[in-house]
Each structure stands twice: as structure tokens, then as C-alpha cells.
């Protein structure tokens, strides 16, 4: 089974023309599945329904996605923020659909220039037709299969966004497998509590499965885990492993940051510069963590985080830096180094 997660800014109507509605919380999801000789090929659209009012669900969708869809209904400041958010998240490929309101008109050349200025020159403009857009997305899936497979070989990282007790099953954690593979009976560590547990059973797309891999949204029934060790910011990883040949410990998949040095790549449309004392947010792997700039200015900063921020050690994704009182709210993407 191969899953392509797609961050979408657009209407419910457009999403339903491409895939079938599934979960309808703050972030609406839509799923389309096709079978071929190698198994299921799944398109999973992730649409933050309350954007632009609420920014975190949009950033969470970007954390999970490999490609994107943007429905352009007008050229305004919100479109600019959307473009820099996709670019700052490293989502360099996707499809755009022009869909102006009745009686309105959008200049495609103007919009294409905005995409290029934001860093999305490789996105394509496609007609407003669900089956056609579905085929475009499957083409993007085919282009990304090597990266998807490589990500499945990386160490396990699962950010948890829901957890609850189910009668007859016990404690269940739900999240996207950002990298690696988890299997039934695997021993697991819940960070930052450093609590232990094991995978009693797994579900993907409402089906019991023996394992879940990068890109899957998985429900893990946990054995011997404590509910107080699960929060909205929990990250599930495999335990450190002792290498008997070298008598060393293979480290956990993530590094915990309390203080970071931050090299910020400022987004193209951002005119505001960060300074000491500014409050910012970091978004990565479905985390949305508050920090305060303690030194530096502009693009080279020192930041202290209010709660632990976990950064993957293998192929770390881009960290999106936001400031909620800026316009646009996206400051840019950043490389973080841990500070003691």
C-alpha cells in the first residue's frame, strides 16, 4: 500500500470531486483508493477547514503532506500566506486550480508569477475537474515513490494528535507515521514523558494491519502504556538499541530541543524582522511549539522553547517558523541546532 498525503487549501466541493470524505474534524480528510498489481494506491487529502482563521491545523497538514492542492478563488493576502507556507514547508510540487467567484476573473499569468516568486515554480495549473486532478495527483505519487520508500526505511517517528480509551481494546493513540515503520508487538517509547509501551494492534484506514509505514495514519492500541504519558505533543519512537558488536547505544530517532540556534530563511513576502523578545511558533512533525527569541536578530537567532521540541535526526524536515501577529504569519523555514 502506497499513500500520498496532500495538503489542500480549497473548498469541500472540490475535495469531494477528487476523493470520498472521511474524517470531518478541524482538519477534514478525503480518501481515494485504487488497486493495481502492486496493491493499493491511496490519495489522502488533508484540508484545514477553519483556515485562515486558525493557522495550526494548516501547518499540521503541511507537516504531513508530500504535495499540495490550492484552489485560487481570488488574489489576496491569504493567497500570499498560503503560497509562502507551502514553499517554506518544502512542498515544491502540487496543482493549482483557478476557480473565481461568479462574475469574477483571475489572471492566470499574474497568479503564476506569484507562485514563482514564492518558490512554487514547479506547480502546475489544472482544470477544475475531479477525475483529471486525481490523475495529476497519481502522477505526482509515481514521481515520489522513491522518496516515500526511503522514508519508510528511516527511524520511526509518530506524532500523536488524538488518544482515548476504547472498551475492550484499551488505550489507543492516533497519529501519522512521519517516518519509519511500526509493527504489532514493537516496543515503543512515548516522548517527552519517556514512558514505555508496546503495540498491541494497529489499524490503518479502519483495517487491522500487521504494520504501518511512513505516510499512514495509524491507530495504535498500546499495551502497558500510561494515559498520562500521552499528550497533544507526544512523539512515539522505537527505544534506543544496544549494538553488541560495538558496545554502543543506537540513539533515539529524534533530538529534544529546549534551546536552539535558528538559521531562518525568510519567506519572500515577509517584511518583518525578528528581534530579541519576540514570541514565535515552530511547526514540524505536527508539533506547534511556542518559543521566545533570546539573542540575535533577522535570520540568526537563539530561541528558548516553552515545551520540548523534537527534531528528527535522519533527514530532518524543514521547520516552519510563524509569528501570529505578523502579516503574513509565516516568517519562513529554519534549520535548528540544539543548544545546551
C-alpha atoms as a PDB file:
ATOM      1  CA  UNK A   1       0.000   0.000   0.000  1.00  0.00           C
ATOM      2  CA  UNK A   2       1.341   3.423  -1.001  1.00  0.00           C
ATOM      3  CA  UNK A   3      -0.204   6.589   0.498  1.00  0.00           C
ATOM      4  CA  UNK A   4       0.278  10.104  -0.854  1.00  0.00           C
ATOM      5  CA  UNK A   5      -0.740  12.761   1.679  1.00  0.00           C
ATOM      6  CA  UNK A   6      -1.877  16.016   0.049  1.00  0.00           C
ATOM      7  CA  UNK A   7      -2.312  19.310   1.883  1.00  0.00           C
ATOM      8  CA  UNK A   8      -5.272  21.169   0.400  1.00  0.00           C
ATOM      9  CA  UNK A   9      -6.470  24.751   0.595  1.00  0.00           C
ATOM     10  CA  UNK A  10      -9.811  24.815  -1.176  1.00  0.00           C
ATOM     11  CA  UNK A  11     -13.488  24.044  -0.965  1.00  0.00           C
ATOM     12  CA  UNK A  12     -15.257  20.954   0.301  1.00  0.00           C
ATOM     13  CA  UNK A  13     -16.893  20.667  -3.137  1.00  0.00           C
ATOM     14  CA  UNK A  14     -13.559  20.453  -4.941  1.00  0.00           C
ATOM     15  CA  UNK A  15     -12.205  17.931  -2.438  1.00  0.00           C
ATOM     16  CA  UNK A  16     -15.264  15.691  -2.839  1.00  0.00           C
ATOM     17  CA  UNK A  17     -14.838  15.736  -6.619  1.00  0.00           C
ATOM     18  CA  UNK A  18     -11.434  14.082  -6.114  1.00  0.00           C
ATOM     19  CA  UNK A  19     -11.937  11.757  -3.151  1.00  0.00           C
ATOM     20  CA  UNK A  20     -14.518  10.493  -0.647  1.00  0.00           C
ATOM     21  CA  UNK A  21     -14.984  12.433   2.584  1.00  0.00           C
ATOM     22  CA  UNK A  22     -13.699  10.621   5.657  1.00  0.00           C
ATOM     23  CA  UNK A  23     -12.876  12.353   8.963  1.00  0.00           C
ATOM     24  CA  UNK A  24     -14.544  15.762   9.412  1.00  0.00           C
ATOM     25  CA  UNK A  25     -12.867  17.413  12.437  1.00  0.00           C
ATOM     26  CA  UNK A  26     -10.874  20.675  12.359  1.00  0.00           C
ATOM     27  CA  UNK A  27      -8.895  19.058   9.572  1.00  0.00           C
ATOM     28  CA  UNK A  28     -11.146  17.350   7.013  1.00  0.00           C
ATOM     29  CA  UNK A  29      -9.758  14.309   5.236  1.00  0.00           C
ATOM     30  CA  UNK A  30     -10.799  12.728   1.931  1.00  0.00           C
ATOM     31  CA  UNK A  31      -9.593   9.366   0.606  1.00  0.00           C
ATOM     32  CA  UNK A  32      -9.449   7.789  -2.838  1.00  0.00           C
ATOM     33  CA  UNK A  33      -8.111   4.248  -3.291  1.00  0.00           C
ATOM     34  CA  UNK A  34      -7.213   2.396  -6.465  1.00  0.00           C
ATOM     35  CA  UNK A  35      -5.752  -1.085  -6.840  1.00  0.00           C
ATOM     36  CA  UNK A  36      -3.034  -2.238  -9.201  1.00  0.00           C
ATOM     37  CA  UNK A  37      -0.713  -5.217  -9.412  1.00  0.00           C
ATOM     38  CA  UNK A  38       1.388  -3.921  -6.513  1.00  0.00           C
ATOM     39  CA  UNK A  39      -1.550  -3.301  -4.172  1.00  0.00           C
ATOM     40  CA  UNK A  40      -3.490  -0.225  -3.043  1.00  0.00           C
ATOM     41  CA  UNK A  41      -2.560   3.295  -4.152  1.00  0.00           C
ATOM     42  CA  UNK A  42      -4.215   5.835  -1.864  1.00  0.00           C
ATOM     43  CA  UNK A  43      -4.680   9.580  -2.216  1.00  0.00           C
ATOM     44  CA  UNK A  44      -5.327  11.237   1.155  1.00  0.00           C
ATOM     45  CA  UNK A  45      -6.408  14.886   1.019  1.00  0.00           C
ATOM     46  CA  UNK A  46      -5.909  16.878   4.235  1.00  0.00           C
ATOM     47  CA  UNK A  47      -7.958  20.076   4.281  1.00  0.00           C
ATOM     48  CA  UNK A  48      -7.856  22.539   7.220  1.00  0.00           C
ATOM     49  CA  UNK A  49     -11.500  23.613   7.199  1.00  0.00           C
ATOM     50  CA  UNK A  50     -11.088  26.648   9.504  1.00  0.00           C
ATOM     51  CA  UNK A  51      -8.152  28.272   7.736  1.00  0.00           C
ATOM     52  CA  UNK A  52      -7.379  31.209   7.575  1.00  0.00           C
ATOM     53  CA  UNK A  53      -8.952  31.842  10.993  1.00  0.00           C
ATOM     54  CA  UNK A  54      -6.893  29.053  12.574  1.00  0.00           C
ATOM     55  CA  UNK A  55      -3.289  28.567  11.475  1.00  0.00           C
ATOM     56  CA  UNK A  56      -2.148  25.418  13.392  1.00  0.00           C
ATOM     57  CA  UNK A  57      -4.377  22.910  11.520  1.00  0.00           C
ATOM     58  CA  UNK A  58      -2.988  24.214   8.215  1.00  0.00           C
ATOM     59  CA  UNK A  59       0.573  23.835   9.464  1.00  0.00           C
ATOM     60  CA  UNK A  60      -0.211  20.311  10.675  1.00  0.00           C
ATOM     61  CA  UNK A  61      -1.497  19.426   7.212  1.00  0.00           C
ATOM     62  CA  UNK A  62       1.723  20.764   5.701  1.00  0.00           C
ATOM     63  CA  UNK A  63       3.768  18.714   8.206  1.00  0.00           C
ATOM     64  CA  UNK A  64       2.180  15.536   6.907  1.00  0.00           C
ATOM     65  CA  UNK A  65       1.958  16.205   3.167  1.00  0.00           C
ATOM     66  CA  UNK A  66       4.291  15.473   0.261  1.00  0.00           C
ATOM     67  CA  UNK A  67       2.401  17.565  -2.329  1.00  0.00           C
ATOM     68  CA  UNK A  68      -0.397  20.130  -2.348  1.00  0.00           C
ATOM     69  CA  UNK A  69      -3.550  21.498  -3.969  1.00  0.00           C
ATOM     70  CA  UNK A  70      -4.512  25.157  -3.917  1.00  0.00           C
ATOM     71  CA  UNK A  71      -7.893  26.355  -5.197  1.00  0.00           C
ATOM     72  CA  UNK A  72      -7.452  30.016  -6.135  1.00  0.00           C
ATOM     73  CA  UNK A  73     -10.720  31.923  -5.796  1.00  0.00           C
ATOM     74  CA  UNK A  74      -9.181  35.410  -5.634  1.00  0.00           C
ATOM     75  CA  UNK A  75      -5.810  37.113  -5.398  1.00  0.00           C
ATOM     76  CA  UNK A  76      -5.430  38.485  -1.880  1.00  0.00           C
ATOM     77  CA  UNK A  77      -3.202  38.435   1.208  1.00  0.00           C
ATOM     78  CA  UNK A  78      -4.454  34.999   2.245  1.00  0.00           C
ATOM     79  CA  UNK A  79      -3.283  33.522  -1.055  1.00  0.00           C
ATOM     80  CA  UNK A  80       0.158  35.041  -0.426  1.00  0.00           C
ATOM     81  CA  UNK A  81       0.321  33.432   3.017  1.00  0.00           C
ATOM     82  CA  UNK A  82      -0.751  30.079   1.586  1.00  0.00           C
ATOM     83  CA  UNK A  83       1.968  30.201  -1.065  1.00  0.00           C
ATOM     84  CA  UNK A  84       4.780  31.021   1.358  1.00  0.00           C
ATOM     85  CA  UNK A  85       3.533  28.357   3.784  1.00  0.00           C
ATOM     86  CA  UNK A  86       3.725  25.636   1.130  1.00  0.00           C
ATOM     87  CA  UNK A  87       7.131  26.853  -0.062  1.00  0.00           C
ATOM     88  CA  UNK A  88       8.539  27.168   3.473  1.00  0.00           C
ATOM     89  CA  UNK A  89       7.371  23.601   4.186  1.00  0.00           C
ATOM     90  CA  UNK A  90       9.344  22.303   1.221  1.00  0.00           C
ATOM     91  CA  UNK A  91       6.254  21.264  -0.746  1.00  0.00           C
ATOM     92  CA  UNK A  92       7.670  22.255  -4.117  1.00  0.00           C
ATOM     93  CA  UNK A  93       5.206  20.272  -6.275  1.00  0.00           C
ATOM     94  CA  UNK A  94       1.445  20.420  -6.482  1.00  0.00           C
ATOM     95  CA  UNK A  95      -1.518  21.555  -8.536  1.00  0.00           C
ATOM     96  CA  UNK A  96      -3.383  24.869  -8.632  1.00  0.00           C
ATOM     97  CA  UNK A  97      -6.979  25.302  -9.745  1.00  0.00           C
ATOM     98  CA  UNK A  98      -8.388  28.705 -10.719  1.00  0.00           C
ATOM     99  CA  UNK A  99     -11.998  28.975  -9.594  1.00  0.00           C
ATOM    100  CA  UNK A 100     -13.113  32.630  -9.407  1.00  0.00           C
ATOM    101  CA  UNK A 101     -16.474  33.554  -7.941  1.00  0.00           C
ATOM    102  CA  UNK A 102     -19.343  34.086 -10.367  1.00  0.00           C
ATOM    103  CA  UNK A 103     -18.818  37.267 -12.324  1.00  0.00           C
ATOM    104  CA  UNK A 104     -15.144  37.498 -11.351  1.00  0.00           C
ATOM    105  CA  UNK A 105     -11.973  36.828 -13.335  1.00  0.00           C
ATOM    106  CA  UNK A 106      -8.470  35.755 -12.343  1.00  0.00           C
ATOM    107  CA  UNK A 107      -5.380  36.452 -14.436  1.00  0.00           C
ATOM    108  CA  UNK A 108      -3.519  33.117 -14.570  1.00  0.00           C
ATOM    109  CA  UNK A 109      -0.279  34.822 -15.610  1.00  0.00           C
ATOM    110  CA  UNK A 110      -0.417  37.038 -12.523  1.00  0.00           C
ATOM    111  CA  UNK A 111      -1.084  34.059 -10.245  1.00  0.00           C
ATOM    112  CA  UNK A 112       1.663  32.005 -11.901  1.00  0.00           C
ATOM    113  CA  UNK A 113       4.112  34.832 -11.193  1.00  0.00           C
ATOM    114  CA  UNK A 114       3.098  34.835  -7.513  1.00  0.00           C
ATOM    115  CA  UNK A 115       3.689  31.074  -7.350  1.00  0.00           C
ATOM    116  CA  UNK A 116       7.127  31.550  -8.901  1.00  0.00           C
ATOM    117  CA  UNK A 117       8.036  34.412  -6.551  1.00  0.00           C
ATOM    118  CA  UNK A 118       7.039  32.282  -3.556  1.00  0.00           C
ATOM    119  CA  UNK A 119       9.201  29.356  -4.705  1.00  0.00           C
ATOM    120  CA  UNK A 120       6.488  27.160  -6.262  1.00  0.00           C
ATOM    121  CA  UNK A 121       7.557  27.373  -9.899  1.00  0.00           C
ATOM    122  CA  UNK A 122       7.108  23.603 -10.389  1.00  0.00           C
ATOM    123  CA  UNK A 123       3.407  23.636  -9.516  1.00  0.00           C
ATOM    124  CA  UNK A 124       1.050  23.184 -12.467  1.00  0.00           C
ATOM    125  CA  UNK A 125      -2.258  24.893 -13.239  1.00  0.00           C
ATOM    126  CA  UNK A 126      -5.007  22.380 -13.976  1.00  0.00           C
ATOM    127  CA  UNK A 127      -8.679  22.487 -14.946  1.00  0.00           C
ATOM    128  CA  UNK A 128     -11.406  22.235 -12.320  1.00  0.00           C
ATOM    129  CA  UNK A 129     -12.239  18.596 -12.955  1.00  0.00           C
ATOM    130  CA  UNK A 130     -12.081  15.964 -10.207  1.00  0.00           C
ATOM    131  CA  UNK A 131     -11.052  12.904 -12.279  1.00  0.00           C
ATOM    132  CA  UNK A 132      -8.396  14.947 -14.096  1.00  0.00           C
ATOM    133  CA  UNK A 133      -6.998  16.270 -10.811  1.00  0.00           C
ATOM    134  CA  UNK A 134      -6.959  12.732  -9.432  1.00  0.00           C
ATOM    135  CA  UNK A 135      -4.791  11.613 -12.348  1.00  0.00           C
ATOM    136  CA  UNK A 136      -2.454  14.563 -11.793  1.00  0.00           C
ATOM    137  CA  UNK A 137      -2.047  13.520  -8.173  1.00  0.00           C
ATOM    138  CA  UNK A 138      -1.323   9.909  -9.111  1.00  0.00           C
ATOM    139  CA  UNK A 139       1.381  11.212 -11.460  1.00  0.00           C
ATOM    140  CA  UNK A 140       2.897  13.124  -8.558  1.00  0.00           C
ATOM    141  CA  UNK A 141       2.693   9.937  -6.452  1.00  0.00           C
ATOM    142  CA  UNK A 142       4.640   7.986  -9.078  1.00  0.00           C
ATOM    143  CA  UNK A 143       7.341  10.658  -9.075  1.00  0.00           C
ATOM    144  CA  UNK A 144       7.670  10.474  -5.297  1.00  0.00           C
ATOM    145  CA  UNK A 145       7.611   6.719  -4.709  1.00  0.00           C
ATOM    146  CA  UNK A 146      11.437   6.500  -4.252  1.00  0.00           C
ATOM    147  CA  UNK A 147      11.277   9.190  -1.542  1.00  0.00           C
ATOM    148  CA  UNK A 148       8.264   7.557   0.111  1.00  0.00           C
ATOM    149  CA  UNK A 149      10.003   4.177   0.215  1.00  0.00           C
ATOM    150  CA  UNK A 150      13.226   5.703   1.533  1.00  0.00           C
ATOM    151  CA  UNK A 151      11.284   7.466   4.299  1.00  0.00           C
ATOM    152  CA  UNK A 152       9.829   4.107   5.339  1.00  0.00           C
ATOM    153  CA  UNK A 153      13.388   2.871   5.993  1.00  0.00           C
ATOM    154  CA  UNK A 154      14.198   5.772   8.340  1.00  0.00           C
ATOM    155  CA  UNK A 155      13.812   5.543  12.148  1.00  0.00           C
ATOM    156  CA  UNK A 156      10.239   5.564  13.471  1.00  0.00           C
ATOM    157  CA  UNK A 157       8.587   8.902  14.321  1.00  0.00           C
ATOM    158  CA  UNK A 158       4.832   9.126  15.059  1.00  0.00           C
ATOM    159  CA  UNK A 159       3.415  12.400  16.437  1.00  0.00           C
ATOM    160  CA  UNK A 160       0.187  11.726  18.345  1.00  0.00           C
ATOM    161  CA  UNK A 161      -2.767  14.059  17.732  1.00  0.00           C
ATOM    162  CA  UNK A 162      -5.525  12.014  19.432  1.00  0.00           C
ATOM    163  CA  UNK A 163      -5.710   9.445  22.210  1.00  0.00           C
ATOM    164  CA  UNK A 164      -8.542   7.782  24.119  1.00  0.00           C
ATOM    165  CA  UNK A 165      -9.617   4.577  25.851  1.00  0.00           C
ATOM    166  CA  UNK A 166     -11.727   2.093  23.885  1.00  0.00           C
ATOM    167  CA  UNK A 167     -13.783  -0.511  25.725  1.00  0.00           C
ATOM    168  CA  UNK A 168     -12.341  -3.962  25.152  1.00  0.00           C
ATOM    169  CA  UNK A 169      -9.207  -2.576  23.497  1.00  0.00           C
ATOM    170  CA  UNK A 170      -7.663  -0.150  25.953  1.00  0.00           C
ATOM    171  CA  UNK A 171      -5.519   2.901  25.358  1.00  0.00           C
ATOM    172  CA  UNK A 172      -5.366   3.973  21.699  1.00  0.00           C
ATOM    173  CA  UNK A 173      -3.076   6.619  20.182  1.00  0.00           C
ATOM    174  CA  UNK A 174      -3.699   8.041  16.700  1.00  0.00           C
ATOM    175  CA  UNK A 175      -1.206   9.849  14.502  1.00  0.00           C
ATOM    176  CA  UNK A 176       0.593   9.979  11.179  1.00  0.00           C
ATOM    177  CA  UNK A 177       3.687   7.842  10.691  1.00  0.00           C
ATOM    178  CA  UNK A 178       6.104  10.579   9.649  1.00  0.00           C
ATOM    179  CA  UNK A 179       8.997   8.185   9.078  1.00  0.00           C
ATOM    180  CA  UNK A 180       9.847   4.542   9.627  1.00  0.00           C
ATOM    181  CA  UNK A 181       7.631   1.501  10.184  1.00  0.00           C
ATOM    182  CA  UNK A 182       5.807   0.252  13.259  1.00  0.00           C
ATOM    183  CA  UNK A 183       4.691  -3.370  13.655  1.00  0.00           C
ATOM    184  CA  UNK A 184       2.475  -5.272  16.075  1.00  0.00           C
ATOM    185  CA  UNK A 185       4.401  -6.210  19.268  1.00  0.00           C
ATOM    186  CA  UNK A 186       7.033  -3.462  18.752  1.00  0.00           C
ATOM    187  CA  UNK A 187       8.356  -1.913  21.940  1.00  0.00           C
ATOM    188  CA  UNK A 188       7.797   1.849  21.947  1.00  0.00           C
ATOM    189  CA  UNK A 189       8.836   4.997  23.823  1.00  0.00           C
ATOM    190  CA  UNK A 190       6.448   7.912  24.409  1.00  0.00           C
ATOM    191  CA  UNK A 191       8.274  11.256  24.476  1.00  0.00           C
ATOM    192  CA  UNK A 192       8.741  13.604  26.287  1.00  0.00           C
ATOM    193  CA  UNK A 193       7.438  11.530  29.231  1.00  0.00           C
ATOM    194  CA  UNK A 194       9.909   8.761  28.306  1.00  0.00           C
ATOM    195  CA  UNK A 195       7.182   6.257  29.113  1.00  0.00           C
ATOM    196  CA  UNK A 196       7.192   2.768  27.666  1.00  0.00           C
ATOM    197  CA  UNK A 197       4.620   0.542  25.995  1.00  0.00           C
ATOM    198  CA  UNK A 198       4.140  -1.848  23.111  1.00  0.00           C
ATOM    199  CA  UNK A 199       1.937  -2.048  20.022  1.00  0.00           C
ATOM    200  CA  UNK A 200      -0.907  -4.410  20.866  1.00  0.00           C
ATOM    201  CA  UNK A 201      -2.641  -3.919  17.497  1.00  0.00           C
ATOM    202  CA  UNK A 202      -2.649  -1.475  14.576  1.00  0.00           C
ATOM    203  CA  UNK A 203      -5.340  -0.039  12.320  1.00  0.00           C
ATOM    204  CA  UNK A 204      -4.902   1.838   9.040  1.00  0.00           C
ATOM    205  CA  UNK A 205      -7.966   3.009   7.065  1.00  0.00           C
ATOM    206  CA  UNK A 206     -10.154   1.104   9.604  1.00  0.00           C
ATOM    207  CA  UNK A 207      -8.425  -2.196   8.738  1.00  0.00           C
ATOM    208  CA  UNK A 208      -6.343  -4.260  11.154  1.00  0.00           C
ATOM    209  CA  UNK A 209      -2.799  -4.453   9.787  1.00  0.00           C
ATOM    210  CA  UNK A 210       0.446  -6.109  10.919  1.00  0.00           C
ATOM    211  CA  UNK A 211       2.446  -2.950  10.305  1.00  0.00           C
ATOM    212  CA  UNK A 212       2.096   0.719   9.353  1.00  0.00           C
ATOM    213  CA  UNK A 213       4.660   2.716   7.450  1.00  0.00           C
ATOM    214  CA  UNK A 214       5.575   6.290   6.563  1.00  0.00           C
ATOM    215  CA  UNK A 215       2.518   8.174   5.271  1.00  0.00           C
ATOM    216  CA  UNK A 216      -0.056   6.002   7.047  1.00  0.00           C
ATOM    217  CA  UNK A 217      -2.486   7.451   9.564  1.00  0.00           C
ATOM    218  CA  UNK A 218      -2.393   4.742  12.215  1.00  0.00           C
ATOM    219  CA  UNK A 219      -4.323   3.859  15.307  1.00  0.00           C
ATOM    220  CA  UNK A 220      -2.107   2.078  17.841  1.00  0.00           C
ATOM    221  CA  UNK A 221      -3.651   0.064  20.652  1.00  0.00           C
ATOM    222  CA  UNK A 222      -0.998   0.311  23.361  1.00  0.00           C
ATOM    223  CA  UNK A 223      -0.157  -2.311  25.958  1.00  0.00           C
ATOM    224  CA  UNK A 224       1.499  -1.371  29.263  1.00  0.00           C
ATOM    225  CA  UNK A 225       1.377   2.366  28.480  1.00  0.00           C
ATOM    226  CA  UNK A 226       0.092   5.073  30.847  1.00  0.00           C
ATOM    227  CA  UNK A 227      -2.503   7.545  29.648  1.00  0.00           C
ATOM    228  CA  UNK A 228      -0.746  10.402  31.468  1.00  0.00           C
ATOM    229  CA  UNK A 229       2.246   9.831  29.172  1.00  0.00           C
ATOM    230  CA  UNK A 230       0.123  10.798  26.154  1.00  0.00           C
ATOM    231  CA  UNK A 231      -0.472  14.471  25.384  1.00  0.00           C
ATOM    232  CA  UNK A 232      -1.120  16.571  22.296  1.00  0.00           C
ATOM    233  CA  UNK A 233       2.652  16.835  21.810  1.00  0.00           C
ATOM    234  CA  UNK A 234       3.607  13.189  22.299  1.00  0.00           C
ATOM    235  CA  UNK A 235       6.070  11.617  19.848  1.00  0.00           C
ATOM    236  CA  UNK A 236       6.246   7.810  19.588  1.00  0.00           C
ATOM    237  CA  UNK A 237       9.612   6.267  18.660  1.00  0.00           C
ATOM    238  CA  UNK A 238      11.397   2.950  18.972  1.00  0.00           C
ATOM    239  CA  UNK A 239      13.670   2.570  22.019  1.00  0.00           C
ATOM    240  CA  UNK A 240      17.424   3.049  21.747  1.00  0.00           C
ATOM    241  CA  UNK A 241      19.090  -0.239  20.744  1.00  0.00           C
ATOM    242  CA  UNK A 242      22.333  -1.652  22.126  1.00  0.00           C
ATOM    243  CA  UNK A 243      24.786  -2.642  19.370  1.00  0.00           C
ATOM    244  CA  UNK A 244      26.606  -5.631  20.890  1.00  0.00           C
ATOM    245  CA  UNK A 245      29.367  -5.504  18.256  1.00  0.00           C
ATOM    246  CA  UNK A 246      30.486  -2.017  19.266  1.00  0.00           C
ATOM    247  CA  UNK A 247      29.004  -1.962  22.778  1.00  0.00           C
ATOM    248  CA  UNK A 248      27.288   1.321  21.964  1.00  0.00           C
ATOM    249  CA  UNK A 249      23.695   2.506  22.028  1.00  0.00           C
ATOM    250  CA  UNK A 250      21.964   3.406  18.760  1.00  0.00           C
ATOM    251  CA  UNK A 251      20.245   6.704  19.687  1.00  0.00           C
ATOM    252  CA  UNK A 252      16.566   7.550  19.528  1.00  0.00           C
ATOM    253  CA  UNK A 253      15.163   8.882  16.242  1.00  0.00           C
ATOM    254  CA  UNK A 254      14.709  12.441  17.494  1.00  0.00           C
ATOM    255  CA  UNK A 255      16.676  15.081  19.347  1.00  0.00           C
ATOM    256  CA  UNK A 256      14.963  17.083  22.086  1.00  0.00           C
ATOM    257  CA  UNK A 257      15.412  20.850  21.887  1.00  0.00           C
ATOM    258  CA  UNK A 258      14.845  23.202  24.810  1.00  0.00           C
ATOM    259  CA  UNK A 259      17.177  25.855  23.417  1.00  0.00           C
ATOM    260  CA  UNK A 260      18.053  26.140  19.730  1.00  0.00           C
ATOM    261  CA  UNK A 261      20.171  28.171  17.409  1.00  0.00           C
ATOM    262  CA  UNK A 262      17.956  29.042  14.462  1.00  0.00           C
ATOM    263  CA  UNK A 263      19.035  29.918  10.934  1.00  0.00           C
ATOM    264  CA  UNK A 264      15.914  31.404   9.361  1.00  0.00           C
ATOM    265  CA  UNK A 265      15.325  31.555   5.624  1.00  0.00           C
ATOM    266  CA  UNK A 266      12.887  34.447   5.483  1.00  0.00           C
ATOM    267  CA  UNK A 267       9.857  33.945   3.223  1.00  0.00           C
ATOM    268  CA  UNK A 268       9.701  36.080   0.039  1.00  0.00           C
ATOM    269  CA  UNK A 269       6.709  38.221   1.068  1.00  0.00           C
ATOM    270  CA  UNK A 270       7.770  38.771   4.703  1.00  0.00           C
ATOM    271  CA  UNK A 271       8.919  42.319   5.573  1.00  0.00           C
ATOM    272  CA  UNK A 272       9.071  41.968   9.335  1.00  0.00           C
ATOM    273  CA  UNK A 273      12.366  41.035  11.040  1.00  0.00           C
ATOM    274  CA  UNK A 274      12.509  39.065  14.285  1.00  0.00           C
ATOM    275  CA  UNK A 275      14.275  40.575  17.311  1.00  0.00           C
ATOM    276  CA  UNK A 276      15.104  39.703  20.912  1.00  0.00           C
ATOM    277  CA  UNK A 277      11.965  39.221  22.990  1.00  0.00           C
ATOM    278  CA  UNK A 278       9.727  38.229  20.059  1.00  0.00           C
ATOM    279  CA  UNK A 279       7.413  35.260  20.540  1.00  0.00           C
ATOM    280  CA  UNK A 280       7.383  32.753  17.695  1.00  0.00           C
ATOM    281  CA  UNK A 281       5.961  29.310  16.927  1.00  0.00           C
ATOM    282  CA  UNK A 282       7.799  26.365  15.382  1.00  0.00           C
ATOM    283  CA  UNK A 283       5.821  23.842  13.323  1.00  0.00           C
ATOM    284  CA  UNK A 284       7.364  20.477  12.448  1.00  0.00           C
ATOM    285  CA  UNK A 285       6.037  16.900  12.511  1.00  0.00           C
ATOM    286  CA  UNK A 286       2.605  18.070  13.764  1.00  0.00           C
ATOM    287  CA  UNK A 287       4.173  19.974  16.681  1.00  0.00           C
ATOM    288  CA  UNK A 288       3.272  23.629  17.242  1.00  0.00           C
ATOM    289  CA  UNK A 289       5.613  24.897  19.947  1.00  0.00           C
ATOM    290  CA  UNK A 290       5.931  28.402  21.387  1.00  0.00           C
ATOM    291  CA  UNK A 291       9.389  29.951  21.698  1.00  0.00           C
ATOM    292  CA  UNK A 292      10.961  33.271  22.581  1.00  0.00           C
ATOM    293  CA  UNK A 293      13.908  34.856  20.795  1.00  0.00           C
ATOM    294  CA  UNK A 294      16.671  35.343  23.380  1.00  0.00           C
ATOM    295  CA  UNK A 295      19.516  36.583  21.161  1.00  0.00           C
ATOM    296  CA  UNK A 296      20.279  37.635  17.612  1.00  0.00           C
ATOM    297  CA  UNK A 297      18.105  39.370  15.068  1.00  0.00           C
ATOM    298  CA  UNK A 298      16.961  38.921  11.486  1.00  0.00           C
ATOM    299  CA  UNK A 299      17.868  35.393  10.366  1.00  0.00           C
ATOM    300  CA  UNK A 300      20.406  34.184  13.002  1.00  0.00           C
ATOM    301  CA  UNK A 301      18.645  33.658  16.311  1.00  0.00           C
ATOM    302  CA  UNK A 302      18.778  31.920  19.675  1.00  0.00           C
ATOM    303  CA  UNK A 303      15.397  30.617  20.850  1.00  0.00           C
ATOM    304  CA  UNK A 304      14.150  29.071  24.095  1.00  0.00           C
ATOM    305  CA  UNK A 305      11.089  26.819  23.736  1.00  0.00           C
ATOM    306  CA  UNK A 306       8.245  26.713  26.294  1.00  0.00           C
ATOM    307  CA  UNK A 307       7.929  22.937  25.836  1.00  0.00           C
ATOM    308  CA  UNK A 308      10.290  20.376  24.277  1.00  0.00           C
ATOM    309  CA  UNK A 309      10.598  20.461  20.502  1.00  0.00           C
ATOM    310  CA  UNK A 310      11.604  17.200  18.825  1.00  0.00           C
ATOM    311  CA  UNK A 311      13.625  17.232  15.599  1.00  0.00           C
ATOM    312  CA  UNK A 312      14.301  14.105  13.555  1.00  0.00           C
ATOM    313  CA  UNK A 313      17.958  13.091  13.393  1.00  0.00           C
ATOM    314  CA  UNK A 314      17.659  11.384   9.991  1.00  0.00           C
ATOM    315  CA  UNK A 315      16.627  13.641   7.088  1.00  0.00           C
ATOM    316  CA  UNK A 316      15.083  16.306   9.348  1.00  0.00           C
ATOM    317  CA  UNK A 317      12.188  18.134   7.674  1.00  0.00           C
ATOM    318  CA  UNK A 318      12.079  21.878   7.303  1.00  0.00           C
ATOM    319  CA  UNK A 319      10.890  23.688  10.417  1.00  0.00           C
ATOM    320  CA  UNK A 320       8.283  26.336   9.692  1.00  0.00           C
ATOM    321  CA  UNK A 321       8.566  29.490  11.825  1.00  0.00           C
ATOM    322  CA  UNK A 322       5.409  31.549  12.364  1.00  0.00           C
ATOM    323  CA  UNK A 323       4.500  34.698  14.272  1.00  0.00           C
ATOM    324  CA  UNK A 324       0.790  35.021  14.837  1.00  0.00           C
ATOM    325  CA  UNK A 325       0.651  38.833  14.832  1.00  0.00           C
ATOM    326  CA  UNK A 326       2.612  39.228  11.570  1.00  0.00           C
ATOM    327  CA  UNK A 327       1.179  39.554   8.066  1.00  0.00           C
ATOM    328  CA  UNK A 328       1.817  37.057   6.582  1.00  0.00           C
ATOM    329  CA  UNK A 329       2.090  34.932   9.702  1.00  0.00           C
ATOM    330  CA  UNK A 330       4.690  32.671   8.097  1.00  0.00           C
ATOM    331  CA  UNK A 331       8.180  34.031   8.780  1.00  0.00           C
ATOM    332  CA  UNK A 332       9.954  31.324   6.779  1.00  0.00           C
ATOM    333  CA  UNK A 333      11.725  27.977   7.136  1.00  0.00           C
ATOM    334  CA  UNK A 334      14.565  27.257   9.518  1.00  0.00           C
ATOM    335  CA  UNK A 335      17.417  24.928  10.326  1.00  0.00           C
ATOM    336  CA  UNK A 336      17.706  24.252  14.052  1.00  0.00           C
ATOM    337  CA  UNK A 337      20.787  23.182  16.017  1.00  0.00           C
ATOM    338  CA  UNK A 338      20.458  22.111  19.613  1.00  0.00           C
ATOM    339  CA  UNK A 339      21.902  24.451  22.241  1.00  0.00           C
ATOM    340  CA  UNK A 340      22.772  23.186  25.712  1.00  0.00           C
END
